[in-house]
Each structure stands twice: as C-alpha cells, then as structure tokens.
Amino acid sequence: MENCGFPSAETFGKEGMRIFWLMVQHSWPEVIACYYSDFERAVENGDLKKSTFVLMTDRLLMHFGYPQVYGSQILNGELYTIENPDSVDIRRASVGLGPLEEYLKNFDLN
C-alpha cells in the first residue's frame, strides 16, 4: 500500500475490497485503527457497503474497551456491551442491518 495506495473497487473490484476488508477486520486492533479512516472513505466512495464498515466500527470499539454502537460483536459467547441499547435497532436499520434479535439468532443468543 505504500507504493500503490489504498485499494479501490476500481482496482480490486467490489469482491476484492470485501476480501481486503476481511483481512484487516480480523487483524490486530492497531492495524484496524491504522486503516479505519481509509475504509470510511471507501464507504463514502461507494467501494464498500456501510453495513460492512459498521462491523469494523464495533470491533474497533470493543478492542479498545468501549461499548459497541451496532451490536455486531460477540465476545466469549455473549453480546458485547452496546451503547444506548434501546435504540440499537434504529441505528442498525440506518446502515442496512436487520434487527438485533434476528442477528443474535445466528449465534443462538436471545
């Protein structure tokens, strides 16, 4: 990336961007933090879905000990703490995610 810059859907394709996001998303917190604003710009440019990017947001918040915003992160078999849980479904809907209750069924959490 130092030589070629941050990738785009034009250079990698949409699937390539999603794969690159997955690699960073499952990396160390410092790596996620390093590229966070680049991924935010990728969303603004239409290279990455907002619903994908918010997973990175929640993961980064969790890694640094803050409550998550969208309820996407599970830690040790339990939903990680959510900021303002009463309005989480409104936030989720605003970025194209379904209700939290439906999401938690994927993890056998209710």
PDB file of N, CA and C in Angstrom:
ATOM      1  N   MET A   1       0.824  -1.187   0.000  1.00  0.00           N
ATOM      2  CA  MET A   1       0.000   0.000   0.000  1.00  0.00           C
ATOM      3  C   MET A   1       0.870   1.253   0.000  1.00  0.00           C
ATOM      4  N   GLU A   2       2.062   1.148   0.525  1.00  0.00           N
ATOM      5  CA  GLU A   2       2.951   2.307   0.494  1.00  0.00           C
ATOM      6  C   GLU A   2       3.279   2.698  -0.940  1.00  0.00           C
ATOM      7  N   ASN A   3       3.405   1.726  -1.816  1.00  0.00           N
ATOM      8  CA  ASN A   3       3.750   2.004  -3.209  1.00  0.00           C
ATOM      9  C   ASN A   3       2.536   2.318  -4.073  1.00  0.00           C
ATOM     10  N   CYS A   4       1.417   1.645  -3.823  1.00  0.00           N
ATOM     11  CA  CYS A   4       0.254   1.742  -4.714  1.00  0.00           C
ATOM     12  C   CYS A   4      -0.919   2.489  -4.113  1.00  0.00           C
ATOM     13  N   GLY A   5      -0.899   2.755  -2.823  1.00  0.00           N
ATOM     14  CA  GLY A   5      -2.016   3.427  -2.169  1.00  0.00           C
ATOM     15  C   GLY A   5      -3.093   2.449  -1.725  1.00  0.00           C
ATOM     16  N   PHE A   6      -4.100   2.988  -1.084  1.00  0.00           N
ATOM     17  CA  PHE A   6      -5.217   2.179  -0.596  1.00  0.00           C
ATOM     18  C   PHE A   6      -6.016   1.689  -1.794  1.00  0.00           C
ATOM     19  N   PRO A   7      -6.426   0.424  -1.794  1.00  0.00           N
ATOM     20  CA  PRO A   7      -7.155  -0.115  -2.947  1.00  0.00           C
ATOM     21  C   PRO A   7      -8.544   0.498  -3.098  1.00  0.00           C
ATOM     22  N   SER A   8      -9.117   0.300  -4.257  1.00  0.00           N
ATOM     23  CA  SER A   8     -10.478   0.765  -4.528  1.00  0.00           C
ATOM     24  C   SER A   8     -11.225  -0.329  -5.276  1.00  0.00           C
ATOM     25  N   ALA A   9     -12.517  -0.171  -5.400  1.00  0.00           N
ATOM     26  CA  ALA A   9     -13.310  -1.135  -6.165  1.00  0.00           C
ATOM     27  C   ALA A   9     -12.892  -1.103  -7.633  1.00  0.00           C
ATOM     28  N   GLU A  10     -12.421   0.047  -8.081  1.00  0.00           N
ATOM     29  CA  GLU A  10     -11.958   0.163  -9.473  1.00  0.00           C
ATOM     30  C   GLU A  10     -10.730  -0.717  -9.724  1.00  0.00           C
ATOM     31  N   THR A  11      -9.830  -0.778  -8.745  1.00  0.00           N
ATOM     32  CA  THR A  11      -8.612  -1.567  -8.923  1.00  0.00           C
ATOM     33  C   THR A  11      -8.747  -3.006  -8.451  1.00  0.00           C
ATOM     34  N   PHE A  12      -9.549  -3.253  -7.424  1.00  0.00           N
ATOM     35  CA  PHE A  12      -9.697  -4.593  -6.836  1.00  0.00           C
ATOM     36  C   PHE A  12     -11.025  -5.251  -7.165  1.00  0.00           C
ATOM     37  N   GLY A  13     -12.019  -4.463  -7.551  1.00  0.00           N
ATOM     38  CA  GLY A  13     -13.384  -4.961  -7.689  1.00  0.00           C
ATOM     39  C   GLY A  13     -14.058  -4.946  -6.323  1.00  0.00           C
ATOM     40  N   LYS A  14     -15.377  -5.012  -6.324  1.00  0.00           N
ATOM     41  CA  LYS A  14     -16.132  -4.989  -5.058  1.00  0.00           C
ATOM     42  C   LYS A  14     -15.782  -6.192  -4.181  1.00  0.00           C
ATOM     43  N   GLU A  15     -15.655  -7.365  -4.797  1.00  0.00           N
ATOM     44  CA  GLU A  15     -15.319  -8.568  -4.023  1.00  0.00           C
ATOM     45  C   GLU A  15     -13.897  -8.464  -3.470  1.00  0.00           C
ATOM     46  N   GLY A  16     -12.985  -7.920  -4.237  1.00  0.00           N
ATOM     47  CA  GLY A  16     -11.615  -7.718  -3.757  1.00  0.00           C
ATOM     48  C   GLY A  16     -11.571  -6.775  -2.564  1.00  0.00           C
ATOM     49  N   MET A  17     -12.387  -5.722  -2.605  1.00  0.00           N
ATOM     50  CA  MET A  17     -12.454  -4.795  -1.474  1.00  0.00           C
ATOM     51  C   MET A  17     -13.001  -5.494  -0.233  1.00  0.00           C
ATOM     52  N   ARG A  18     -14.026  -6.336  -0.443  1.00  0.00           N
ATOM     53  CA  ARG A  18     -14.602  -7.062   0.694  1.00  0.00           C
ATOM     54  C   ARG A  18     -13.578  -8.023   1.287  1.00  0.00           C
ATOM     55  N   ILE A  19     -12.800  -8.691   0.466  1.00  0.00           N
ATOM     56  CA  ILE A  19     -11.770  -9.618   0.952  1.00  0.00           C
ATOM     57  C   ILE A  19     -10.678  -8.847   1.692  1.00  0.00           C
ATOM     58  N   PHE A  20     -10.268  -7.710   1.149  1.00  0.00           N
ATOM     59  CA  PHE A  20      -9.260  -6.889   1.817  1.00  0.00           C
ATOM     60  C   PHE A  20      -9.791  -6.421   3.175  1.00  0.00           C
ATOM     61  N   TRP A  21     -11.059  -5.993   3.212  1.00  0.00           N
ATOM     62  CA  TRP A  21     -11.681  -5.581   4.469  1.00  0.00           C
ATOM     63  C   TRP A  21     -11.652  -6.730   5.473  1.00  0.00           C
ATOM     64  N   LEU A  22     -11.986  -7.942   5.027  1.00  0.00           N
ATOM     65  CA  LEU A  22     -11.972  -9.108   5.922  1.00  0.00           C
ATOM     66  C   LEU A  22     -10.593  -9.334   6.527  1.00  0.00           C
ATOM     67  N   MET A  23      -9.560  -9.188   5.720  1.00  0.00           N
ATOM     68  CA  MET A  23      -8.197  -9.389   6.236  1.00  0.00           C
ATOM     69  C   MET A  23      -7.874  -8.368   7.320  1.00  0.00           C
ATOM     70  N   VAL A  24      -8.225  -7.120   7.080  1.00  0.00           N
ATOM     71  CA  VAL A  24      -7.951  -6.077   8.075  1.00  0.00           C
ATOM     72  C   VAL A  24      -8.864  -6.261   9.285  1.00  0.00           C
ATOM     73  N   GLN A  25     -10.131  -6.545   9.052  1.00  0.00           N
ATOM     74  CA  GLN A  25     -11.118  -6.722  10.128  1.00  0.00           C
ATOM     75  C   GLN A  25     -10.673  -7.784  11.128  1.00  0.00           C
ATOM     76  N   HIS A  26     -10.006  -8.811  10.646  1.00  0.00           N
ATOM     77  CA  HIS A  26      -9.592  -9.916  11.521  1.00  0.00           C
ATOM     78  C   HIS A  26      -8.105  -9.838  11.873  1.00  0.00           C
ATOM     79  N   SER A  27      -7.577  -8.647  11.784  1.00  0.00           N
ATOM     80  CA  SER A  27      -6.184  -8.406  12.144  1.00  0.00           C
ATOM     81  C   SER A  27      -6.111  -7.830  13.556  1.00  0.00           C
ATOM     82  N   TRP A  28      -4.951  -7.342  13.923  1.00  0.00           N
ATOM     83  CA  TRP A  28      -4.747  -6.743  15.243  1.00  0.00           C
ATOM     84  C   TRP A  28      -5.451  -5.400  15.324  1.00  0.00           C
ATOM     85  N   PRO A  29      -5.881  -5.002  16.523  1.00  0.00           N
ATOM     86  CA  PRO A  29      -6.580  -3.725  16.695  1.00  0.00           C
ATOM     87  C   PRO A  29      -5.808  -2.534  16.136  1.00  0.00           C
ATOM     88  N   GLU A  30      -4.509  -2.554  16.273  1.00  0.00           N
ATOM     89  CA  GLU A  30      -3.696  -1.443  15.764  1.00  0.00           C
ATOM     90  C   GLU A  30      -3.765  -1.340  14.241  1.00  0.00           C
ATOM     91  N   VAL A  31      -3.866  -2.483  13.574  1.00  0.00           N
ATOM     92  CA  VAL A  31      -3.978  -2.490  12.114  1.00  0.00           C
ATOM     93  C   VAL A  31      -5.349  -1.952  11.704  1.00  0.00           C
ATOM     94  N   ILE A  32      -6.389  -2.397  12.391  1.00  0.00           N
ATOM     95  CA  ILE A  32      -7.736  -1.890  12.106  1.00  0.00           C
ATOM     96  C   ILE A  32      -7.756  -0.373  12.281  1.00  0.00           C
ATOM     97  N   ALA A  33      -7.205   0.107  13.387  1.00  0.00           N
ATOM     98  CA  ALA A  33      -7.190   1.544  13.667  1.00  0.00           C
ATOM     99  C   ALA A  33      -6.409   2.308  12.601  1.00  0.00           C
ATOM    100  N   CYS A  34      -5.329   1.732  12.136  1.00  0.00           N
ATOM    101  CA  CYS A  34      -4.483   2.379  11.129  1.00  0.00           C
ATOM    102  C   CYS A  34      -5.251   2.635   9.835  1.00  0.00           C
ATOM    103  N   TYR A  35      -6.061   1.695   9.413  1.00  0.00           N
ATOM    104  CA  TYR A  35      -6.757   1.789   8.133  1.00  0.00           C
ATOM    105  C   TYR A  35      -8.227   2.195   8.247  1.00  0.00           C
ATOM    106  N   TYR A  36      -8.680   2.456   9.451  1.00  0.00           N
ATOM    107  CA  TYR A  36     -10.097   2.759   9.679  1.00  0.00           C
ATOM    108  C   TYR A  36     -10.589   3.916   8.810  1.00  0.00           C
ATOM    109  N   SER A  37      -9.887   5.030   8.805  1.00  0.00           N
ATOM    110  CA  SER A  37     -10.343   6.192   8.031  1.00  0.00           C
ATOM    111  C   SER A  37     -10.293   5.919   6.530  1.00  0.00           C
ATOM    112  N   ASP A  38      -9.369   5.062   6.078  1.00  0.00           N
ATOM    113  CA  ASP A  38      -9.336   4.683   4.659  1.00  0.00           C
ATOM    114  C   ASP A  38     -10.585   3.893   4.288  1.00  0.00           C
ATOM    115  N   PHE A  39     -11.000   2.983   5.160  1.00  0.00           N
ATOM    116  CA  PHE A  39     -12.220   2.224   4.903  1.00  0.00           C
ATOM    117  C   PHE A  39     -13.448   3.127   4.972  1.00  0.00           C
ATOM    118  N   GLU A  40     -13.423   4.109   5.840  1.00  0.00           N
ATOM    119  CA  GLU A  40     -14.527   5.066   5.923  1.00  0.00           C
ATOM    120  C   GLU A  40     -14.672   5.816   4.596  1.00  0.00           C
ATOM    121  N   ARG A  41     -13.542   6.232   4.024  1.00  0.00           N
ATOM    122  CA  ARG A  41     -13.573   6.891   2.711  1.00  0.00           C
ATOM    123  C   ARG A  41     -14.048   5.924   1.622  1.00  0.00           C
ATOM    124  N   ALA A  42     -13.680   4.652   1.744  1.00  0.00           N
ATOM    125  CA  ALA A  42     -14.134   3.654   0.777  1.00  0.00           C
ATOM    126  C   ALA A  42     -15.656   3.543   0.787  1.00  0.00           C
ATOM    127  N   VAL A  43     -16.261   3.665   1.965  1.00  0.00           N
ATOM    128  CA  VAL A  43     -17.729   3.660   2.065  1.00  0.00           C
ATOM    129  C   VAL A  43     -18.288   4.900   1.373  1.00  0.00           C
ATOM    130  N   GLU A  44     -17.704   6.047   1.658  1.00  0.00           N
ATOM    131  CA  GLU A  44     -18.162   7.305   1.055  1.00  0.00           C
ATOM    132  C   GLU A  44     -18.050   7.259  -0.470  1.00  0.00           C
ATOM    133  N   ASN A  45     -17.034   6.561  -0.981  1.00  0.00           N
ATOM    134  CA  ASN A  45     -16.823   6.447  -2.431  1.00  0.00           C
ATOM    135  C   ASN A  45     -17.674   5.351  -3.066  1.00  0.00           C
ATOM    136  N   GLY A  46     -18.382   4.580  -2.245  1.00  0.00           N
ATOM    137  CA  GLY A  46     -19.202   3.504  -2.766  1.00  0.00           C
ATOM    138  C   GLY A  46     -18.438   2.213  -3.027  1.00  0.00           C
ATOM    139  N   ASP A  47     -17.206   2.123  -2.527  1.00  0.00           N
ATOM    140  CA  ASP A  47     -16.374   0.933  -2.737  1.00  0.00           C
ATOM    141  C   ASP A  47     -16.652  -0.174  -1.730  1.00  0.00           C
ATOM    142  N   LEU A  48     -17.325   0.161  -0.641  1.00  0.00           N
ATOM    143  CA  LEU A  48     -17.611  -0.792   0.427  1.00  0.00           C
ATOM    144  C   LEU A  48     -18.968  -0.444   1.027  1.00  0.00           C
ATOM    145  N   LYS A  49     -19.738  -1.458   1.370  1.00  0.00           N
ATOM    146  CA  LYS A  49     -21.053  -1.226   1.964  1.00  0.00           C
ATOM    147  C   LYS A  49     -20.916  -0.674   3.377  1.00  0.00           C
ATOM    148  N   LYS A  50     -21.795   0.248   3.707  1.00  0.00           N
ATOM    149  CA  LYS A  50     -21.810   0.814   5.056  1.00  0.00           C
ATOM    150  C   LYS A  50     -22.085  -0.273   6.091  1.00  0.00           C
ATOM    151  N   SER A  51     -22.963  -1.236   5.736  1.00  0.00           N
ATOM    152  CA  SER A  51     -23.290  -2.313   6.675  1.00  0.00           C
ATOM    153  C   SER A  51     -22.068  -3.175   6.984  1.00  0.00           C
ATOM    154  N   THR A  52     -21.120  -3.228   6.077  1.00  0.00           N
ATOM    155  CA  THR A  52     -19.876  -3.960   6.313  1.00  0.00           C
ATOM    156  C   THR A  52     -18.946  -3.143   7.207  1.00  0.00           C
ATOM    157  N   PHE A  53     -18.840  -1.855   6.898  1.00  0.00           N
ATOM    158  CA  PHE A  53     -17.944  -0.980   7.644  1.00  0.00           C
ATOM    159  C   PHE A  53     -18.314  -0.869   9.119  1.00  0.00           C
ATOM    160  N   VAL A  54     -19.622  -0.899   9.435  1.00  0.00           N
ATOM    161  CA  VAL A  54     -20.011  -0.749  10.840  1.00  0.00           C
ATOM    162  C   VAL A  54     -19.539  -1.932  11.682  1.00  0.00           C
ATOM    163  N   LEU A  55     -19.332  -3.085  11.059  1.00  0.00           N
ATOM    164  CA  LEU A  55     -18.763  -4.223  11.795  1.00  0.00           C
ATOM    165  C   LEU A  55     -17.361  -3.870  12.277  1.00  0.00           C
ATOM    166  N   MET A  56     -16.614  -3.164  11.423  1.00  0.00           N
ATOM    167  CA  MET A  56     -15.272  -2.720  11.793  1.00  0.00           C
ATOM    168  C   MET A  56     -15.342  -1.692  12.919  1.00  0.00           C
ATOM    169  N   THR A  57     -16.331  -0.825  12.840  1.00  0.00           N
ATOM    170  CA  THR A  57     -16.518   0.194  13.882  1.00  0.00           C
ATOM    171  C   THR A  57     -16.736  -0.474  15.235  1.00  0.00           C
ATOM    172  N   ASP A  58     -17.671  -1.411  15.275  1.00  0.00           N
ATOM    173  CA  ASP A  58     -17.959  -2.109  16.531  1.00  0.00           C
ATOM    174  C   ASP A  58     -16.748  -2.897  17.027  1.00  0.00           C
ATOM    175  N   ARG A  59     -16.057  -3.556  16.130  1.00  0.00           N
ATOM    176  CA  ARG A  59     -14.902  -4.358  16.540  1.00  0.00           C
ATOM    177  C   ARG A  59     -13.813  -3.467  17.124  1.00  0.00           C
ATOM    178  N   LEU A  60     -13.565  -2.340  16.500  1.00  0.00           N
ATOM    179  CA  LEU A  60     -12.539  -1.428  16.993  1.00  0.00           C
ATOM    180  C   LEU A  60     -12.915  -0.879  18.366  1.00  0.00           C
ATOM    181  N   LEU A  61     -14.169  -0.492  18.525  1.00  0.00           N
ATOM    182  CA  LEU A  61     -14.633  -0.005  19.833  1.00  0.00           C
ATOM    183  C   LEU A  61     -14.446  -1.081  20.898  1.00  0.00           C
ATOM    184  N   MET A  62     -14.825  -2.312  20.579  1.00  0.00           N
ATOM    185  CA  MET A  62     -14.705  -3.421  21.523  1.00  0.00           C
ATOM    186  C   MET A  62     -13.239  -3.651  21.911  1.00  0.00           C
ATOM    187  N   HIS A  63     -12.361  -3.667  20.906  1.00  0.00           N
ATOM    188  CA  HIS A  63     -10.942  -3.918  21.179  1.00  0.00           C
ATOM    189  C   HIS A  63     -10.349  -2.894  22.147  1.00  0.00           C
ATOM    190  N   PHE A  64     -10.861  -1.667  22.084  1.00  0.00           N
ATOM    191  CA  PHE A  64     -10.305  -0.626  22.939  1.00  0.00           C
ATOM    192  C   PHE A  64     -11.153  -0.361  24.184  1.00  0.00           C
ATOM    193  N   GLY A  65     -12.112  -1.287  24.462  1.00  0.00           N
ATOM    194  CA  GLY A  65     -12.856  -1.238  25.723  1.00  0.00           C
ATOM    195  C   GLY A  65     -14.058  -0.320  25.759  1.00  0.00           C
ATOM    196  N   TYR A  66     -14.537   0.134  24.591  1.00  0.00           N
ATOM    197  CA  TYR A  66     -15.714   0.999  24.537  1.00  0.00           C
ATOM    198  C   TYR A  66     -16.944   0.182  24.144  1.00  0.00           C
ATOM    199  N   PRO A  67     -18.134   0.626  24.530  1.00  0.00           N
ATOM    200  CA  PRO A  67     -19.346  -0.068  24.086  1.00  0.00           C
ATOM    201  C   PRO A  67     -19.483   0.027  22.568  1.00  0.00           C
ATOM    202  N   GLN A  68     -19.994  -1.023  21.967  1.00  0.00           N
ATOM    203  CA  GLN A  68     -20.218  -1.001  20.532  1.00  0.00           C
ATOM    204  C   GLN A  68     -21.484  -0.210  20.214  1.00  0.00           C
ATOM    205  N   VAL A  69     -21.654   0.165  18.960  1.00  0.00           N
ATOM    206  CA  VAL A  69     -22.764   1.009  18.543  1.00  0.00           C
ATOM    207  C   VAL A  69     -23.873   0.206  17.859  1.00  0.00           C
ATOM    208  N   TYR A  70     -23.499  -0.806  17.075  1.00  0.00           N
ATOM    209  CA  TYR A  70     -24.468  -1.509  16.232  1.00  0.00           C
ATOM    210  C   TYR A  70     -24.785  -2.928  16.690  1.00  0.00           C
ATOM    211  N   GLY A  71     -24.138  -3.400  17.727  1.00  0.00           N
ATOM    212  CA  GLY A  71     -24.447  -4.724  18.263  1.00  0.00           C
ATOM    213  C   GLY A  71     -23.982  -5.876  17.403  1.00  0.00           C
ATOM    214  N   SER A  72     -22.860  -5.718  16.736  1.00  0.00           N
ATOM    215  CA  SER A  72     -22.384  -6.770  15.837  1.00  0.00           C
ATOM    216  C   SER A  72     -21.354  -7.703  16.457  1.00  0.00           C
ATOM    217  N   GLN A  73     -20.852  -7.365  17.622  1.00  0.00           N
ATOM    218  CA  GLN A  73     -19.733  -8.127  18.173  1.00  0.00           C
ATOM    219  C   GLN A  73     -20.153  -9.015  19.349  1.00  0.00           C
ATOM    220  N   ILE A  74     -19.714 -10.256  19.242  1.00  0.00           N
ATOM    221  CA  ILE A  74     -19.946 -11.263  20.271  1.00  0.00           C
ATOM    222  C   ILE A  74     -18.589 -11.562  20.906  1.00  0.00           C
ATOM    223  N   LEU A  75     -18.522 -11.578  22.206  1.00  0.00           N
ATOM    224  CA  LEU A  75     -17.272 -11.860  22.911  1.00  0.00           C
ATOM    225  C   LEU A  75     -17.521 -12.952  23.942  1.00  0.00           C
ATOM    226  N   ASN A  76     -16.755 -14.016  23.864  1.00  0.00           N
ATOM    227  CA  ASN A  76     -16.884 -15.143  24.792  1.00  0.00           C
ATOM    228  C   ASN A  76     -18.316 -15.673  24.858  1.00  0.00           C
ATOM    229  N   GLY A  77     -18.954 -15.769  23.693  1.00  0.00           N
ATOM    230  CA  GLY A  77     -20.295 -16.334  23.623  1.00  0.00           C
ATOM    231  C   GLY A  77     -21.414 -15.422  24.075  1.00  0.00           C
ATOM    232  N   GLU A  78     -21.117 -14.139  24.284  1.00  0.00           N
ATOM    233  CA  GLU A  78     -22.141 -13.189  24.716  1.00  0.00           C
ATOM    234  C   GLU A  78     -22.043 -11.906  23.914  1.00  0.00           C
ATOM    235  N   LEU A  79     -23.169 -11.269  23.737  1.00  0.00           N
ATOM    236  CA  LEU A  79     -23.197  -9.985  23.056  1.00  0.00           C
ATOM    237  C   LEU A  79     -22.367  -8.983  23.850  1.00  0.00           C
ATOM    238  N   TYR A  80     -21.423  -8.352  23.177  1.00  0.00           N
ATOM    239  CA  TYR A  80     -20.594  -7.340  23.829  1.00  0.00           C
ATOM    240  C   TYR A  80     -21.467  -6.111  24.145  1.00  0.00           C
ATOM    241  N   THR A  81     -21.128  -5.373  25.167  1.00  0.00           N
ATOM    242  CA  THR A  81     -21.870  -4.202  25.640  1.00  0.00           C
ATOM    243  C   THR A  81     -22.200  -3.242  24.496  1.00  0.00           C
ATOM    244  N   ILE A  82     -23.438  -2.772  24.491  1.00  0.00           N
ATOM    245  CA  ILE A  82     -23.911  -1.849  23.460  1.00  0.00           C
ATOM    246  C   ILE A  82     -24.205  -0.486  24.076  1.00  0.00           C
ATOM    247  N   GLU A  83     -23.772   0.552  23.386  1.00  0.00           N
ATOM    248  CA  GLU A  83     -24.112   1.915  23.776  1.00  0.00           C
ATOM    249  C   GLU A  83     -25.577   2.171  23.434  1.00  0.00           C
ATOM    250  N   ASN A  84     -26.341   2.700  24.359  1.00  0.00           N
ATOM    251  CA  ASN A  84     -27.760   3.004  24.158  1.00  0.00           C
ATOM    252  C   ASN A  84     -28.499   1.834  23.505  1.00  0.00           C
ATOM    253  N   PRO A  85     -28.595   0.709  24.199  1.00  0.00           N
ATOM    254  CA  PRO A  85     -29.195  -0.494  23.596  1.00  0.00           C
ATOM    255  C   PRO A  85     -30.658  -0.327  23.180  1.00  0.00           C
ATOM    256  N   ASP A  86     -31.378   0.599  23.789  1.00  0.00           N
ATOM    257  CA  ASP A  86     -32.790   0.780  23.439  1.00  0.00           C
ATOM    258  C   ASP A  86     -32.991   1.283  22.008  1.00  0.00           C
ATOM    259  N   SER A  87     -31.976   1.928  21.448  1.00  0.00           N
ATOM    260  CA  SER A  87     -32.113   2.466  20.087  1.00  0.00           C
ATOM    261  C   SER A  87     -31.205   1.747  19.074  1.00  0.00           C
ATOM    262  N   VAL A  88     -30.681   0.593  19.449  1.00  0.00           N
ATOM    263  CA  VAL A  88     -29.745  -0.101  18.562  1.00  0.00           C
ATOM    264  C   VAL A  88     -30.402  -0.509  17.244  1.00  0.00           C
ATOM    265  N   ASP A  89     -31.661  -0.924  17.260  1.00  0.00           N
ATOM    266  CA  ASP A  89     -32.304  -1.341  16.017  1.00  0.00           C
ATOM    267  C   ASP A  89     -32.502  -0.174  15.048  1.00  0.00           C
ATOM    268  N   ILE A  90     -32.676   1.014  15.571  1.00  0.00           N
ATOM    269  CA  ILE A  90     -32.781   2.204  14.723  1.00  0.00           C
ATOM    270  C   ILE A  90     -31.443   2.448  14.036  1.00  0.00           C
ATOM    271  N   ARG A  91     -30.352   2.364  14.802  1.00  0.00           N
ATOM    272  CA  ARG A  91     -29.020   2.551  14.218  1.00  0.00           C
ATOM    273  C   ARG A  91     -28.720   1.460  13.198  1.00  0.00           C
ATOM    274  N   ARG A  92     -29.072   0.224  13.543  1.00  0.00           N
ATOM    275  CA  ARG A  92     -28.831  -0.895  12.629  1.00  0.00           C
ATOM    276  C   ARG A  92     -29.587  -0.688  11.316  1.00  0.00           C
ATOM    277  N   ALA A  93     -30.846  -0.296  11.401  1.00  0.00           N
ATOM    278  CA  ALA A  93     -31.646  -0.083  10.196  1.00  0.00           C
ATOM    279  C   ALA A  93     -31.061   1.035   9.334  1.00  0.00           C
ATOM    280  N   SER A  94     -30.487   2.054   9.965  1.00  0.00           N
ATOM    281  CA  SER A  94     -29.941   3.196   9.218  1.00  0.00           C
ATOM    282  C   SER A  94     -28.738   2.823   8.358  1.00  0.00           C
ATOM    283  N   VAL A  95     -28.115   1.679   8.647  1.00  0.00           N
ATOM    284  CA  VAL A  95     -26.957   1.235   7.860  1.00  0.00           C
ATOM    285  C   VAL A  95     -27.239  -0.059   7.098  1.00  0.00           C
ATOM    286  N   GLY A  96     -28.502  -0.438   7.051  1.00  0.00           N
ATOM    287  CA  GLY A  96     -28.876  -1.609   6.268  1.00  0.00           C
ATOM    288  C   GLY A  96     -28.793  -2.937   6.985  1.00  0.00           C
ATOM    289  N   LEU A  97     -28.714  -2.922   8.309  1.00  0.00           N
ATOM    290  CA  LEU A  97     -28.693  -4.160   9.081  1.00  0.00           C
ATOM    291  C   LEU A  97     -30.085  -4.455   9.627  1.00  0.00           C
ATOM    292  N   GLY A  98     -30.401  -5.730   9.770  1.00  0.00           N
ATOM    293  CA  GLY A  98     -31.676  -6.137  10.339  1.00  0.00           C
ATOM    294  C   GLY A  98     -31.691  -5.977  11.847  1.00  0.00           C
ATOM    295  N   PRO A  99     -32.824  -6.291  12.462  1.00  0.00           N
ATOM    296  CA  PRO A  99     -32.956  -6.161  13.914  1.00  0.00           C
ATOM    297  C   PRO A  99     -31.928  -7.020  14.670  1.00  0.00           C
ATOM    298  N   LEU A 100     -31.511  -6.524  15.801  1.00  0.00           N
ATOM    299  CA  LEU A 100     -30.520  -7.222  16.616  1.00  0.00           C
ATOM    300  C   LEU A 100     -31.001  -8.613  17.007  1.00  0.00           C
ATOM    301  N   GLU A 101     -32.254  -8.735  17.367  1.00  0.00           N
ATOM    302  CA  GLU A 101     -32.791 -10.032  17.782  1.00  0.00           C
ATOM    303  C   GLU A 101     -32.605 -11.084  16.689  1.00  0.00           C
ATOM    304  N   GLU A 102     -32.824 -10.703  15.445  1.00  0.00           N
ATOM    305  CA  GLU A 102     -32.633 -11.631  14.318  1.00  0.00           C
ATOM    306  C   GLU A 102     -31.165 -11.998  14.155  1.00  0.00           C
ATOM    307  N   TYR A 103     -30.292 -11.012  14.274  1.00  0.00           N
ATOM    308  CA  TYR A 103     -28.848 -11.230  14.161  1.00  0.00           C
ATOM    309  C   TYR A 103     -28.358 -12.212  15.224  1.00  0.00           C
ATOM    310  N   LEU A 104     -28.853 -12.056  16.437  1.00  0.00           N
ATOM    311  CA  LEU A 104     -28.391 -12.896  17.551  1.00  0.00           C
ATOM    312  C   LEU A 104     -28.812 -14.350  17.392  1.00  0.00           C
ATOM    313  N   LYS A 105     -29.857 -14.601  16.621  1.00  0.00           N
ATOM    314  CA  LYS A 105     -30.267 -15.982  16.367  1.00  0.00           C
ATOM    315  C   LYS A 105     -29.170 -16.761  15.654  1.00  0.00           C
ATOM    316  N   ASN A 106     -28.338 -16.067  14.861  1.00  0.00           N
ATOM    317  CA  ASN A 106     -27.211 -16.723  14.180  1.00  0.00           C
ATOM    318  C   ASN A 106     -26.199 -17.311  15.157  1.00  0.00           C
ATOM    319  N   PHE A 107     -26.219 -16.801  16.366  1.00  0.00           N
ATOM    320  CA  PHE A 107     -25.260 -17.235  17.403  1.00  0.00           C
ATOM    321  C   PHE A 107     -25.956 -17.988  18.539  1.00  0.00           C
ATOM    322  N   ASP A 108     -27.212 -18.324  18.331  1.00  0.00           N
ATOM    323  CA  ASP A 108     -28.027 -18.974  19.353  1.00  0.00           C
ATOM    324  C   ASP A 108     -28.071 -18.128  20.632  1.00  0.00           C
ATOM    325  N   LEU A 109     -28.127 -16.811  20.465  1.00  0.00           N
ATOM    326  CA  LEU A 109     -28.241 -15.896  21.599  1.00  0.00           C
ATOM    327  C   LEU A 109     -29.604 -15.197  21.508  1.00  0.00           C
ATOM    328  N   ASN A 110     -30.288 -15.132  22.606  1.00  0.00           N
ATOM    329  CA  ASN A 110     -31.579 -14.442  22.624  1.00  0.00           C
ATOM    330  C   ASN A 110     -31.649 -13.488  23.778  1.00  0.00           C
TER     331      ASN A 110
END
